[in-house]
Protein backbone atom coordinates (compact mmCIF):
# COMPACT_ATOMS: atom_id res chain seq x y z
CA UNK A 1 -1.34 17.67 6.90
CA UNK A 2 0.74 17.09 9.98
CA UNK A 3 -0.15 13.64 11.55
CA UNK A 4 2.97 13.87 13.88
CA UNK A 5 4.12 10.56 12.38
CA UNK A 6 7.77 9.47 10.97
CA UNK A 7 8.27 11.41 7.82
CA UNK A 8 10.02 8.62 5.90
CA UNK A 9 7.34 5.85 6.73
CA UNK A 10 4.10 7.78 7.28
CA UNK A 11 1.17 7.18 7.49
CA UNK A 12 1.34 10.96 5.49
CA UNK A 13 -1.97 12.47 4.47
CA UNK A 14 -2.38 15.24 1.84
CA UNK A 15 -5.51 17.16 1.25
CA UNK A 16 -6.43 19.20 -1.71
CA UNK A 17 -9.69 21.13 -1.06
CA UNK A 18 -10.39 22.77 -4.53
CA UNK A 19 -10.85 19.23 -6.15
CA UNK A 20 -11.76 17.39 -3.29
CA UNK A 21 -9.12 14.76 -2.95
CA UNK A 22 -7.52 13.34 0.11
CA UNK A 23 -4.23 10.98 -0.23
CA UNK A 24 -3.23 8.84 2.28
CA UNK A 25 0.45 7.02 2.23
CA UNK A 26 2.43 4.75 3.96
CA UNK A 27 4.79 2.11 3.47
CA UNK A 28 4.12 -1.39 4.27
CA UNK A 29 5.16 -3.79 7.18
CA UNK A 30 8.12 -5.60 7.48
CA UNK A 31 10.47 -6.65 5.67
CA UNK A 32 11.65 -3.22 5.78
CA UNK A 33 14.66 -1.21 6.35
CA UNK A 34 15.01 2.41 7.68
CA UNK A 35 17.94 4.22 9.12
CA UNK A 36 15.95 5.29 12.19
CA UNK A 37 13.80 3.56 14.48
CA UNK A 38 10.30 3.47 13.25
CA UNK A 39 7.41 2.79 15.84
CA UNK A 40 5.71 -0.72 14.92
CA UNK A 41 2.23 0.74 15.17
CA UNK A 42 3.12 2.73 12.11
CA UNK A 43 3.76 -0.28 9.93
CA UNK A 44 0.98 -1.32 7.82
CA UNK A 45 0.50 -4.16 5.38
CA UNK A 46 -1.12 -3.45 2.29
CA UNK A 47 -3.49 -6.18 2.81
CA UNK A 48 -4.71 -5.10 6.17
CA UNK A 49 -5.17 -1.29 4.81
CA UNK A 50 -7.28 -2.32 1.85
CA UNK A 51 -9.48 -4.56 4.20
CA UNK A 52 -10.33 -1.12 6.05
CA UNK A 53 -11.35 0.88 2.78
CA UNK A 54 -14.99 1.03 2.06
CA UNK A 55 -14.20 2.05 -1.63
CA UNK A 56 -17.13 3.09 -3.97
CA UNK A 57 -17.13 5.08 -7.12
CA UNK A 58 -14.94 8.11 -5.84
CA UNK A 59 -12.41 5.90 -4.17
CA UNK A 60 -9.01 5.07 -6.00
CA UNK A 61 -6.55 2.73 -4.54
CA UNK A 62 -3.26 2.88 -5.86
CA UNK A 63 -0.21 0.98 -4.72
CA UNK A 64 3.06 -0.40 -5.98
CA UNK A 65 4.79 -3.51 -4.49
CA UNK A 66 8.29 -4.90 -5.14
CA UNK A 67 11.10 -2.56 -4.64
CA UNK A 68 13.06 -4.16 -1.96
CA UNK A 69 11.44 -7.68 -1.85
CA UNK A 70 13.71 -8.50 -4.88
CA UNK A 71 16.29 -9.31 -2.21
CA UNK A 72 13.99 -11.74 -0.61
CA UNK A 73 13.01 -15.42 -1.74
CA UNK A 74 10.30 -15.40 -4.79
CA UNK A 75 8.01 -17.56 -2.62
CA UNK A 76 7.89 -14.84 0.05
CA UNK A 77 6.69 -12.08 -2.79
CA UNK A 78 4.25 -14.76 -4.16
CA UNK A 79 2.79 -15.31 -0.76
CA UNK A 80 2.45 -11.43 0.10
CA UNK A 81 0.94 -10.87 -3.48
CA UNK A 82 -1.77 -13.48 -2.74
CA UNK A 83 -2.84 -11.93 0.62
CA UNK A 84 -2.97 -8.72 -1.33
CA UNK A 85 -5.16 -10.32 -4.06
CA UNK A 86 -7.57 -11.84 -1.73
CA UNK A 87 -7.91 -8.11 -0.09
CA UNK A 88 -8.57 -6.62 -3.70
CA UNK A 89 -11.25 -9.22 -4.50
CA UNK A 90 -12.99 -8.83 -1.12
CA UNK A 91 -12.64 -4.86 -1.68
CA UNK A 92 -14.15 -5.30 -5.14
CA UNK A 93 -16.98 -7.64 -3.90
CA UNK A 94 -18.03 -5.08 -1.58
CA UNK A 95 -17.59 -1.97 -3.50
CA UNK A 96 -17.33 -3.19 -7.27
CA UNK A 97 -17.24 0.39 -8.61
CA UNK A 98 -13.79 1.17 -6.82
CA UNK A 99 -10.67 1.71 -9.01
CA UNK A 100 -7.73 -0.31 -8.33
CA UNK A 101 -4.29 0.40 -9.84
CA UNK A 102 -1.56 -1.99 -9.18
CA UNK A 103 2.12 -1.48 -10.13
CA UNK A 104 4.48 -4.46 -9.45
CA UNK A 105 8.13 -4.91 -9.91
CA UNK A 106 9.77 -4.48 -13.29
CA UNK A 107 10.45 -7.67 -14.88
CA UNK A 108 12.83 -6.69 -17.74
CA UNK A 109 16.39 -6.01 -17.68
CA UNK A 110 17.30 -8.35 -15.05
CA UNK A 111 20.41 -10.91 -16.27
């Protein structure tokens, strides 16, 4: 669906009517690098987005977190992951039947 947002950062939405699937996608907030200017209102933190999700048996939350964060101090990454963890714990407290899938960065292959 055309939400009239930045195509590289969203938020974007896709709807598949036959199986009643709605997908919301967006990049997280700073640190972030884009070649073009992106409105600050379109930047979202994963923890804030999770806080706004009702959850439930038909909700599946999937996110990956790492990518360009490898260029920042590990303490920054740990702090951000801790905020996300608090949001996931709160989500599962209010809707324990929500499925949450987390993909973090790869830890192998680095020398």
